[in-house]
Amino acid sequence: MKNILFEAIGGDHWIGGLYHSANIIFSILQNKKITSNYRLILVTEESNVSLFSEFQKDVLIIPIQYKNNLVRRVKLLSLCLKYHCDYVFSGFGNYYRPFGITMIRWIPDFQHNRLPEYFTGKEIALRNKIYEKTVKAKEPLVLSSRDSFNDLQTFYPNEKENIFIVPFVSYIEPVISKITRENEAAILNKYHLTNRKYACVMNQFWQHKNHIAVLEAMKIYFSQNPDSDFLFVFTGKMSDYRHPDYIEKLKGILEMPEIASHIRMLGFIQREEQIAIMKNAEYVVQPSLFEGWGTVVEDAKVLDKTVLLSDIPVHREQKNEKCILFDPHDAKQLAELIRQENQRDHKDSVEKGIANMYAEAAEYSKDFARMLGC
């Protein structure tokens, strides 16, 4: 039996890194070719262990603590040697190669290349430096979408051969199973959503997430439908360290009389609350100008929700039959879709969504198995 070590990094500053690790591991566990040949080892900080508790039966989970990157590298290498790992799915670095360990690299997306206006010059230079090392390395590279693969070919042509496209599903079945009728009702009551019809927008308030499109569409819709009591629920931390002026602009729009009474701002909330609120929404709006492979869309697919989805390349790749594409720069088009969806009676099947989650996870794992030679 061979071993693969996964390092799960992230936290409040980047919860997506932890979710990505959990979702990739879930997909891999659906592939019998991999699980019959490889044991999975997960290394993460102690504070993150609970996120991976559902995998304890199938994955060796090792909690660690480290104060800096040097300590982190030493601990990871020592664990790889202790467990005779053949592969490590980790951060960046070349220190595994002399020990016969193959490093699996991952690039989440090429946002800084596609939308450089949303980054500082220092951030762009740092990412370019890291990405150039990554694509020139001999080790295999995992990308999350065909769109990212196309970007790689655009920005780094002829640099890399051993590329593997491994999208992910949102493994939220354990979260869903823990939400009883009682605590679901308590969550809705806590946020004053009981017996209210609402749509949800669940993104951090970074500029490229394009909240302004939703707010402008809301202004159009509620100006035409002043008697509507429909709500829009927003989650996520109201901050963008790159563009503080953008946040001030958003705050001004949020206070406009046409829409102010139709908004619920929940801030950064717990995962269980997030899923319960999405589950009870009429539909989801995802207006982002750029994504690598969006977790919000995957959450909505598992919950079998209708999604009003920005028409960008990765969303065309990721969507299912309940996703409705719109031009993210056309507030009038989005307002019309909101009008149409607010007149519909939405029927969702979580059971269907979960069944599709397992099927897609098994399908997505195939390129990972190919990378391992299974």
Foldseek 3Di string as FASTA:
>chain_A
DAEEEEEQDDDPVCVVSNQVVLFLVLLQVLAPLDLVPYQYEYEYAPVCVVVNVVCVVRHHYDHDDDDDDVVVVVVVLVVCVVRVHQEYAYADDDVCVVVNHAYEYEDLADCCVVCVVLDDPVVSVVVVVRVLVVLQDPGEYEAAFVVRVVVCCVPPNPRHDRYFHFHGFRPCVVLVVPDDPVVLVVLCVVQVNPPAAEEEEEDAPRVQQLVVLVLLLQLVQCVVVVPDQYAYEYEHAQDYPSCRVVSVVVVVSCPPPSCVNRYGYDYHDDPSSVLSVNLPYLAYERLGNDGRADNVQSSCLLSQGQYAYEPDVNCVVRDDPRYHYDHSVDSNVVSVVVVVSVPDDDDTDNVVSVVVNSVVSNVSCVRVCVSVVD
